[in-house]
Structures are given as structure tokens and as C-alpha cells.
Amino acid sequence: MRPKIVFLPGLLCDAQVFAGQVAALAPHAEVAVADVTGCDTIAAMAAAALTRFDGPVSLVGFSMGGRAALEAVRVAPERVERLVLIDTGATPARDGEAVGRMELVDLAHREGMRALARHWLPPMVHVDRETDPILIGPLTAMVERMTPAIFERQIRALLGRPDARPVLPGIRCPALVVVGRQDRWSPLEQNRELAETIPGGHLAVIEDSGHFTPAERPEAVARVLVEFFGHAVTAGERRVS
């Protein structure tokens, strides 16, 4: 029986962000991307992922989607066969975090999603790609497919996110943490801590990538995932150029 893999998108992301990885895994697995646009809690996002298939599933969560994947492990550990966390974290909202996030929500409502994309996207990618039209163009189009209402729901979900740190030591399925070396939003050390806290967790560092690793380095991330789902990765840190 082919494995069943569900991808969980990040903030303002849809299936496009995983296009390279889905194409690489589709010949080997049943693959789906969870639709979290209607969700206003991390728990609802986790449920959206778990309902894509019956029975055991593997979860691949990017950024916000990684937090939802951890919630899915918390509520239904028996359902999760393998876990991949990409450029994410496990902590609850920081003091003062709501102010900056709600300013972005106000910007989206006031000036629209293109204006939001111009402000929000550049710090999310490698500093050398902030004005690269080949990368920023499709990412901007993806953001524009969303609405201010979707953005506000997802921001409120993130602000209300649970503290997932207690979940990490109890994870028993094979787990891989993937991070872009130059991620300025969810930095390498944060992701390294995730991998080290999960029993048997592994870390893959994608070179020359910011926060949007699946879109910035799609082939490198695809190679790591194909290897992970094909056989056990080597213990410790891997660097993928």
C-alpha cells in the first residue's frame, strides 16, 4: 500500500508552495494538500489535515502548517506515521507579537493583498532574492489569491497557537526537521532545537534559502523528502546544497 502524505501550508500559502515536493512524491505516494483557508485555529488546521485520508498518514507542515502538524500529533498520535516540520517552531505567541501581526491585518484590509505582499514577502526569503521576480512574482500571485478575511483568520489562529513544546519529547514516529540556512523568521537554531527535542529527530539544513524553503529550493527539499519517505535518514544534521 502506498503511503499517504498530507502537506500543511504556511501563512497565506496554497498548494503552489509545495509544487516541487508534490511532483517528486506523487509517483510514490498518495499526496494531498490540506485547505486551511477557512480555519481560524491551529486545531482546525490539524483536523483539516487528518480528514484528507482515512487511517495512518504522514504530515509535512511548513511554517504555520508545522504548528498544525504538531497539533495533529498531539490529538491523534496513532494516526501519524511520519512527520516533517519545515521552517517552523513550537512556542506560543510572544509578548507583543499581536501588535505587529494585527498591523499587517489592518494593511491587508486597508490597501489590499498586493500591498501586503510587498511588505510581508521580502523578509521571508533569502536576502539576495528579495527582488527576484522569478521567486517573488509567483509568491505575490499566491498571496493575491487569498483575501484579507483569510489572512485575519490565519493570524488569529497563530496568535492563539498552543505551546507545542510539551508534545515534542513524546513523538514516537520518524521525524525530520528541515530549515533554510538563511531563514530570518524561523532561524536555524530554533529548528535545530526542535530536532534535538524530538526523540530520534533529524535535521536537514537547506543551503542558500530563507524562510520559504519549499519555494526557494524546491528540488533540494524534494530530494530530502524523497529520501526520508524512502528510507531512514542518517542521524544528525544533513546539509543540502
C-alpha atoms as a PDB file:
ATOM      1  CA  MET A   1       0.000   0.000   0.000  1.00  0.00           C
ATOM      2  CA  ARG A   2       1.352   3.415  -0.955  1.00  0.00           C
ATOM      3  CA  PRO A   3       1.908   5.868   1.906  1.00  0.00           C
ATOM      4  CA  LYS A   4      -0.495   8.760   2.348  1.00  0.00           C
ATOM      5  CA  ILE A   5       1.127  12.174   2.724  1.00  0.00           C
ATOM      6  CA  VAL A   6      -0.653  15.394   3.643  1.00  0.00           C
ATOM      7  CA  PHE A   7       1.057  18.762   3.220  1.00  0.00           C
ATOM      8  CA  LEU A   8       0.013  21.623   5.514  1.00  0.00           C
ATOM      9  CA  PRO A   9       0.663  25.080   4.033  1.00  0.00           C
ATOM     10  CA  GLY A  10       2.103  28.100   5.778  1.00  0.00           C
ATOM     11  CA  LEU A  11       0.524  31.500   6.255  1.00  0.00           C
ATOM     12  CA  LEU A  12      -1.119  32.758   3.039  1.00  0.00           C
ATOM     13  CA  CYS A  13       0.113  29.679   1.168  1.00  0.00           C
ATOM     14  CA  ASP A  14      -1.715  27.202  -1.010  1.00  0.00           C
ATOM     15  CA  ALA A  15      -0.630  24.072  -2.883  1.00  0.00           C
ATOM     16  CA  GLN A  16       1.719  26.110  -5.083  1.00  0.00           C
ATOM     17  CA  VAL A  17       4.276  26.407  -2.301  1.00  0.00           C
ATOM     18  CA  PHE A  18       4.694  22.605  -2.334  1.00  0.00           C
ATOM     19  CA  ALA A  19       4.567  22.118  -6.110  1.00  0.00           C
ATOM     20  CA  GLY A  20       8.098  20.761  -6.396  1.00  0.00           C
ATOM     21  CA  GLN A  21       7.728  18.364  -3.490  1.00  0.00           C
ATOM     22  CA  VAL A  22       4.281  17.103  -4.529  1.00  0.00           C
ATOM     23  CA  ALA A  23       5.556  16.371  -8.048  1.00  0.00           C
ATOM     24  CA  ALA A  24       8.508  14.420  -6.626  1.00  0.00           C
ATOM     25  CA  LEU A  25       6.438  12.364  -4.183  1.00  0.00           C
ATOM     26  CA  ALA A  26       3.304  11.749  -6.261  1.00  0.00           C
ATOM     27  CA  PRO A  27       4.794   8.739  -8.111  1.00  0.00           C
ATOM     28  CA  HIS A  28       5.497   7.059  -4.775  1.00  0.00           C
ATOM     29  CA  ALA A  29       2.589   8.062  -2.524  1.00  0.00           C
ATOM     30  CA  GLU A  30      -0.949   9.343  -2.320  1.00  0.00           C
ATOM     31  CA  VAL A  31      -0.437  13.064  -1.799  1.00  0.00           C
ATOM     32  CA  ALA A  32      -2.830  15.815  -0.735  1.00  0.00           C
ATOM     33  CA  VAL A  33      -2.504  19.433   0.371  1.00  0.00           C
ATOM     34  CA  ALA A  34      -4.784  20.473   3.215  1.00  0.00           C
ATOM     35  CA  ASP A  35      -7.014  23.511   2.635  1.00  0.00           C
ATOM     36  CA  VAL A  36      -6.678  25.658   5.755  1.00  0.00           C
ATOM     37  CA  THR A  37      -8.130  28.881   4.330  1.00  0.00           C
ATOM     38  CA  GLY A  38     -11.335  28.514   6.322  1.00  0.00           C
ATOM     39  CA  CYS A  39      -9.604  27.726   9.624  1.00  0.00           C
ATOM     40  CA  ASP A  40      -9.266  30.206  12.478  1.00  0.00           C
ATOM     41  CA  THR A  41      -7.483  27.895  14.933  1.00  0.00           C
ATOM     42  CA  ILE A  42      -4.449  25.639  14.755  1.00  0.00           C
ATOM     43  CA  ALA A  43      -6.672  22.792  15.969  1.00  0.00           C
ATOM     44  CA  ALA A  44      -8.983  23.275  12.978  1.00  0.00           C
ATOM     45  CA  MET A  45      -5.987  23.157  10.638  1.00  0.00           C
ATOM     46  CA  ALA A  46      -4.848  19.903  12.228  1.00  0.00           C
ATOM     47  CA  ALA A  47      -8.321  18.450  11.742  1.00  0.00           C
ATOM     48  CA  ALA A  48      -8.339  19.556   8.090  1.00  0.00           C
ATOM     49  CA  ALA A  49      -5.135  17.594   7.538  1.00  0.00           C
ATOM     50  CA  LEU A  50      -6.258  14.452   9.352  1.00  0.00           C
ATOM     51  CA  THR A  51      -9.530  14.273   7.417  1.00  0.00           C
ATOM     52  CA  ARG A  52      -7.852  14.219   3.994  1.00  0.00           C
ATOM     53  CA  PHE A  53      -7.296  10.456   4.270  1.00  0.00           C
ATOM     54  CA  ASP A  54      -8.574   7.642   6.436  1.00  0.00           C
ATOM     55  CA  GLY A  55      -6.107   5.693   8.542  1.00  0.00           C
ATOM     56  CA  PRO A  56      -2.405   6.388   9.038  1.00  0.00           C
ATOM     57  CA  VAL A  57      -0.930   9.463   7.348  1.00  0.00           C
ATOM     58  CA  SER A  58       2.379  11.249   7.127  1.00  0.00           C
ATOM     59  CA  LEU A  59       2.331  15.005   7.667  1.00  0.00           C
ATOM     60  CA  VAL A  60       4.561  17.665   6.109  1.00  0.00           C
ATOM     61  CA  GLY A  61       3.996  21.058   7.693  1.00  0.00           C
ATOM     62  CA  PHE A  62       5.584  24.312   6.550  1.00  0.00           C
ATOM     63  CA  SER A  63       5.772  27.258   8.985  1.00  0.00           C
ATOM     64  CA  MET A  64       2.193  27.709  10.271  1.00  0.00           C
ATOM     65  CA  GLY A  65       1.471  24.263   8.856  1.00  0.00           C
ATOM     66  CA  GLY A  66       4.218  22.789  11.022  1.00  0.00           C
ATOM     67  CA  ARG A  67       2.439  24.043  14.107  1.00  0.00           C
ATOM     68  CA  ALA A  68      -0.776  22.424  12.856  1.00  0.00           C
ATOM     69  CA  ALA A  69       1.115  19.174  12.210  1.00  0.00           C
ATOM     70  CA  LEU A  70       2.345  19.171  15.803  1.00  0.00           C
ATOM     71  CA  GLU A  71      -1.219  19.675  16.996  1.00  0.00           C
ATOM     72  CA  ALA A  72      -2.301  16.707  14.884  1.00  0.00           C
ATOM     73  CA  VAL A  73       0.380  14.602  16.563  1.00  0.00           C
ATOM     74  CA  ARG A  74      -0.879  15.758  19.947  1.00  0.00           C
ATOM     75  CA  VAL A  75      -4.521  14.871  19.346  1.00  0.00           C
ATOM     76  CA  ALA A  76      -4.045  11.744  17.225  1.00  0.00           C
ATOM     77  CA  PRO A  77      -0.528  10.320  17.621  1.00  0.00           C
ATOM     78  CA  GLU A  78      -1.701   6.910  16.465  1.00  0.00           C
ATOM     79  CA  ARG A  79      -2.639   8.385  13.074  1.00  0.00           C
ATOM     80  CA  VAL A  80       0.724   9.971  12.250  1.00  0.00           C
ATOM     81  CA  GLU A  81       3.262   7.601  10.654  1.00  0.00           C
ATOM     82  CA  ARG A  82       5.945  10.140   9.775  1.00  0.00           C
ATOM     83  CA  LEU A  83       6.379  13.822  10.489  1.00  0.00           C
ATOM     84  CA  VAL A  84       8.218  16.559   8.591  1.00  0.00           C
ATOM     85  CA  LEU A  85       8.473  20.069  10.019  1.00  0.00           C
ATOM     86  CA  ILE A  86       9.779  22.795   7.686  1.00  0.00           C
ATOM     87  CA  ASP A  87      10.913  26.218   8.929  1.00  0.00           C
ATOM     88  CA  THR A  88       8.620  26.249  11.937  1.00  0.00           C
ATOM     89  CA  GLY A  89       8.506  26.436  15.729  1.00  0.00           C
ATOM     90  CA  ALA A  90       6.703  25.133  18.789  1.00  0.00           C
ATOM     91  CA  THR A  91       6.403  28.112  21.150  1.00  0.00           C
ATOM     92  CA  PRO A  92       3.189  30.044  21.885  1.00  0.00           C
ATOM     93  CA  ALA A  93       2.749  33.677  20.878  1.00  0.00           C
ATOM     94  CA  ARG A  94       5.372  36.050  22.270  1.00  0.00           C
ATOM     95  CA  ASP A  95       4.583  39.101  24.360  1.00  0.00           C
ATOM     96  CA  GLY A  96       3.792  41.941  21.981  1.00  0.00           C
ATOM     97  CA  GLU A  97       3.532  39.678  18.921  1.00  0.00           C
ATOM     98  CA  ALA A  98      -0.106  40.571  18.344  1.00  0.00           C
ATOM     99  CA  VAL A  99       0.687  44.235  17.692  1.00  0.00           C
ATOM    100  CA  GLY A 100       2.881  43.630  14.663  1.00  0.00           C
ATOM    101  CA  ARG A 101       0.685  40.900  13.255  1.00  0.00           C
ATOM    102  CA  MET A 102      -2.521  42.921  13.541  1.00  0.00           C
ATOM    103  CA  GLU A 103      -0.825  45.879  11.847  1.00  0.00           C
ATOM    104  CA  LEU A 104      -0.379  43.610   8.836  1.00  0.00           C
ATOM    105  CA  VAL A 105      -4.028  42.568   9.024  1.00  0.00           C
ATOM    106  CA  ASP A 106      -5.021  46.240   9.021  1.00  0.00           C
ATOM    107  CA  LEU A 107      -2.769  46.834   6.000  1.00  0.00           C
ATOM    108  CA  ALA A 108      -4.425  43.983   4.100  1.00  0.00           C
ATOM    109  CA  HIS A 109      -7.927  45.320   4.817  1.00  0.00           C
ATOM    110  CA  ARG A 110      -6.932  48.910   4.050  1.00  0.00           C
ATOM    111  CA  GLU A 111      -4.732  48.545   0.955  1.00  0.00           C
ATOM    112  CA  GLY A 112      -5.288  45.001  -0.285  1.00  0.00           C
ATOM    113  CA  MET A 113      -3.291  41.820  -0.659  1.00  0.00           C
ATOM    114  CA  ARG A 114      -0.770  43.134  -3.202  1.00  0.00           C
ATOM    115  CA  ALA A 115       0.280  45.846  -0.759  1.00  0.00           C
ATOM    116  CA  LEU A 116       0.527  43.222   1.970  1.00  0.00           C
ATOM    117  CA  ALA A 117       2.700  41.025  -0.258  1.00  0.00           C
ATOM    118  CA  ARG A 118       5.075  43.931  -0.987  1.00  0.00           C
ATOM    119  CA  HIS A 119       5.554  44.486   2.734  1.00  0.00           C
ATOM    120  CA  TRP A 120       5.462  40.907   4.040  1.00  0.00           C
ATOM    121  CA  LEU A 121       7.252  38.751   1.495  1.00  0.00           C
ATOM    122  CA  PRO A 122      10.790  40.226   1.229  1.00  0.00           C
ATOM    123  CA  PRO A 123      11.905  39.359   4.804  1.00  0.00           C
ATOM    124  CA  MET A 124      10.520  35.857   4.305  1.00  0.00           C
ATOM    125  CA  VAL A 125      13.025  34.929   1.580  1.00  0.00           C
ATOM    126  CA  HIS A 126      16.809  34.882   1.287  1.00  0.00           C
ATOM    127  CA  VAL A 127      18.109  38.435   1.407  1.00  0.00           C
ATOM    128  CA  ASP A 128      19.582  38.063  -2.090  1.00  0.00           C
ATOM    129  CA  ARG A 129      16.164  37.127  -3.533  1.00  0.00           C
ATOM    130  CA  GLU A 130      14.030  39.919  -2.088  1.00  0.00           C
ATOM    131  CA  THR A 131      13.595  41.478  -5.555  1.00  0.00           C
ATOM    132  CA  ASP A 132      13.990  38.339  -7.675  1.00  0.00           C
ATOM    133  CA  PRO A 133      10.917  38.344  -9.957  1.00  0.00           C
ATOM    134  CA  ILE A 134      11.232  34.616 -10.662  1.00  0.00           C
ATOM    135  CA  LEU A 135      10.595  33.904  -6.972  1.00  0.00           C
ATOM    136  CA  ILE A 136       8.671  36.945  -5.763  1.00  0.00           C
ATOM    137  CA  GLY A 137       6.285  37.037  -8.735  1.00  0.00           C
ATOM    138  CA  PRO A 138       4.663  33.626  -8.102  1.00  0.00           C
ATOM    139  CA  LEU A 139       4.695  34.167  -4.329  1.00  0.00           C
ATOM    140  CA  THR A 140       2.927  37.507  -4.784  1.00  0.00           C
ATOM    141  CA  ALA A 141       0.334  35.853  -7.029  1.00  0.00           C
ATOM    142  CA  MET A 142      -0.221  33.207  -4.343  1.00  0.00           C
ATOM    143  CA  VAL A 143      -0.779  35.873  -1.680  1.00  0.00           C
ATOM    144  CA  GLU A 144      -3.186  37.691  -4.007  1.00  0.00           C
ATOM    145  CA  ARG A 145      -5.288  34.534  -4.322  1.00  0.00           C
ATOM    146  CA  MET A 146      -6.048  34.946  -0.626  1.00  0.00           C
ATOM    147  CA  THR A 147      -8.261  37.603   0.960  1.00  0.00           C
ATOM    148  CA  PRO A 148      -7.919  39.908   3.970  1.00  0.00           C
ATOM    149  CA  ALA A 149     -10.511  37.747   5.752  1.00  0.00           C
ATOM    150  CA  ILE A 150      -8.427  34.590   5.209  1.00  0.00           C
ATOM    151  CA  PHE A 151      -5.338  36.426   6.393  1.00  0.00           C
ATOM    152  CA  GLU A 152      -7.077  37.637   9.533  1.00  0.00           C
ATOM    153  CA  ARG A 153      -8.360  34.132  10.342  1.00  0.00           C
ATOM    154  CA  GLN A 154      -4.887  32.667   9.977  1.00  0.00           C
ATOM    155  CA  ILE A 155      -3.264  35.433  12.018  1.00  0.00           C
ATOM    156  CA  ARG A 156      -5.762  34.899  14.829  1.00  0.00           C
ATOM    157  CA  ALA A 157      -5.030  31.177  14.675  1.00  0.00           C
ATOM    158  CA  LEU A 158      -1.313  31.878  15.032  1.00  0.00           C
ATOM    159  CA  LEU A 159      -1.838  34.301  17.893  1.00  0.00           C
ATOM    160  CA  GLY A 160      -3.868  31.638  19.688  1.00  0.00           C
ATOM    161  CA  ARG A 161      -1.487  28.803  18.883  1.00  0.00           C
ATOM    162  CA  PRO A 162      -0.860  26.285  21.658  1.00  0.00           C
ATOM    163  CA  ASP A 163       2.502  25.710  23.246  1.00  0.00           C
ATOM    164  CA  ALA A 164       3.634  22.587  21.373  1.00  0.00           C
ATOM    165  CA  ARG A 165       6.903  22.146  23.271  1.00  0.00           C
ATOM    166  CA  PRO A 166       5.410  19.505  25.607  1.00  0.00           C
ATOM    167  CA  VAL A 167       4.441  17.458  22.527  1.00  0.00           C
ATOM    168  CA  LEU A 168       7.986  17.132  21.203  1.00  0.00           C
ATOM    169  CA  PRO A 169       9.507  14.631  23.695  1.00  0.00           C
ATOM    170  CA  GLY A 170       6.551  12.282  23.223  1.00  0.00           C
ATOM    171  CA  ILE A 171       6.784  12.000  19.441  1.00  0.00           C
ATOM    172  CA  ARG A 172       7.460   8.370  18.554  1.00  0.00           C
ATOM    173  CA  CYS A 173       7.185   8.377  14.765  1.00  0.00           C
ATOM    174  CA  PRO A 174      10.163   9.100  12.490  1.00  0.00           C
ATOM    175  CA  ALA A 175      10.578  12.877  12.350  1.00  0.00           C
ATOM    176  CA  LEU A 176      12.561  15.218  10.120  1.00  0.00           C
ATOM    177  CA  VAL A 177      13.086  18.947  10.611  1.00  0.00           C
ATOM    178  CA  VAL A 178      14.011  20.960   7.511  1.00  0.00           C
ATOM    179  CA  VAL A 179      15.225  24.562   7.620  1.00  0.00           C
ATOM    180  CA  GLY A 180      16.735  27.111   5.274  1.00  0.00           C
ATOM    181  CA  ARG A 181      20.210  28.139   6.384  1.00  0.00           C
ATOM    182  CA  GLN A 182      19.352  31.847   5.991  1.00  0.00           C
ATOM    183  CA  ASP A 183      15.812  31.742   7.424  1.00  0.00           C
ATOM    184  CA  ARG A 184      15.363  35.059   9.232  1.00  0.00           C
ATOM    185  CA  TRP A 185      11.863  34.297  10.558  1.00  0.00           C
ATOM    186  CA  SER A 186      12.287  30.755  11.894  1.00  0.00           C
ATOM    187  CA  PRO A 187      16.058  30.562  12.310  1.00  0.00           C
ATOM    188  CA  LEU A 188      18.310  27.548  12.163  1.00  0.00           C
ATOM    189  CA  GLU A 189      18.860  27.280  15.916  1.00  0.00           C
ATOM    190  CA  GLN A 190      15.114  27.244  16.571  1.00  0.00           C
ATOM    191  CA  ASN A 191      14.685  24.351  14.171  1.00  0.00           C
ATOM    192  CA  ARG A 192      17.758  22.584  15.500  1.00  0.00           C
ATOM    193  CA  GLU A 193      16.187  22.679  18.968  1.00  0.00           C
ATOM    194  CA  LEU A 194      13.042  21.043  17.570  1.00  0.00           C
ATOM    195  CA  ALA A 195      15.060  18.216  16.036  1.00  0.00           C
ATOM    196  CA  GLU A 196      17.091  17.694  19.203  1.00  0.00           C
ATOM    197  CA  THR A 197      13.994  17.611  21.433  1.00  0.00           C
ATOM    198  CA  ILE A 198      12.144  15.024  19.337  1.00  0.00           C
ATOM    199  CA  PRO A 199      13.456  11.531  20.186  1.00  0.00           C
ATOM    200  CA  GLY A 200      15.356  10.308  17.152  1.00  0.00           C
ATOM    201  CA  GLY A 201      14.661  13.567  15.318  1.00  0.00           C
ATOM    202  CA  HIS A 202      16.824  14.523  12.347  1.00  0.00           C
ATOM    203  CA  LEU A 203      17.764  17.929  10.937  1.00  0.00           C
ATOM    204  CA  ALA A 204      18.288  18.788   7.275  1.00  0.00           C
ATOM    205  CA  VAL A 205      19.723  22.242   6.565  1.00  0.00           C
ATOM    206  CA  ILE A 206      18.958  23.589   3.100  1.00  0.00           C
ATOM    207  CA  GLU A 207      21.753  25.862   1.959  1.00  0.00           C
ATOM    208  CA  ASP A 208      21.113  29.227   0.281  1.00  0.00           C
ATOM    209  CA  SER A 209      17.495  29.532   1.436  1.00  0.00           C
ATOM    210  CA  GLY A 210      15.400  31.849   3.563  1.00  0.00           C
ATOM    211  CA  HIS A 211      12.077  31.045   5.220  1.00  0.00           C
ATOM    212  CA  PHE A 212      10.225  29.986   2.056  1.00  0.00           C
ATOM    213  CA  THR A 213      12.453  26.937   1.637  1.00  0.00           C
ATOM    214  CA  PRO A 214       9.923  24.770  -0.287  1.00  0.00           C
ATOM    215  CA  ALA A 215       9.578  27.529  -2.912  1.00  0.00           C
ATOM    216  CA  GLU A 216      13.148  28.870  -2.831  1.00  0.00           C
ATOM    217  CA  ARG A 217      14.889  25.494  -3.089  1.00  0.00           C
ATOM    218  CA  PRO A 218      12.157  23.123  -4.324  1.00  0.00           C
ATOM    219  CA  GLU A 219      14.484  20.474  -5.751  1.00  0.00           C
ATOM    220  CA  ALA A 220      16.680  20.335  -2.648  1.00  0.00           C
ATOM    221  CA  VAL A 221      13.652  19.978  -0.362  1.00  0.00           C
ATOM    222  CA  ALA A 222      12.155  17.364  -2.684  1.00  0.00           C
ATOM    223  CA  ARG A 223      15.351  15.293  -2.517  1.00  0.00           C
ATOM    224  CA  VAL A 224      15.309  15.363   1.270  1.00  0.00           C
ATOM    225  CA  LEU A 225      11.655  14.309   1.404  1.00  0.00           C
ATOM    226  CA  VAL A 226      12.025  11.521  -1.148  1.00  0.00           C
ATOM    227  CA  GLU A 227      14.939  10.161   0.856  1.00  0.00           C
ATOM    228  CA  PHE A 228      13.050  10.480   4.145  1.00  0.00           C
ATOM    229  CA  PHE A 229       9.957   8.722   2.864  1.00  0.00           C
ATOM    230  CA  GLY A 230      12.002   6.148   1.011  1.00  0.00           C
ATOM    231  CA  HIS A 231      14.235   5.088   3.882  1.00  0.00           C
ATOM    232  CA  ALA A 232      15.533   6.332   7.235  1.00  0.00           C
ATOM    233  CA  VAL A 233      17.786   9.382   7.097  1.00  0.00           C
ATOM    234  CA  THR A 234      21.229   9.318   8.669  1.00  0.00           C
ATOM    235  CA  ALA A 235      21.188  10.506  12.261  1.00  0.00           C
ATOM    236  CA  GLY A 236      22.256  14.057  12.968  1.00  0.00           C
ATOM    237  CA  GLU A 237      22.416  17.099  10.725  1.00  0.00           C
ATOM    238  CA  ARG A 238      22.479  16.987   6.949  1.00  0.00           C
ATOM    239  CA  ARG A 239      23.395  19.939   4.770  1.00  0.00           C
ATOM    240  CA  VAL A 240      21.675  20.101   1.405  1.00  0.00           C
ATOM    241  CA  SER A 241      23.081  22.430  -1.214  1.00  0.00           C
END
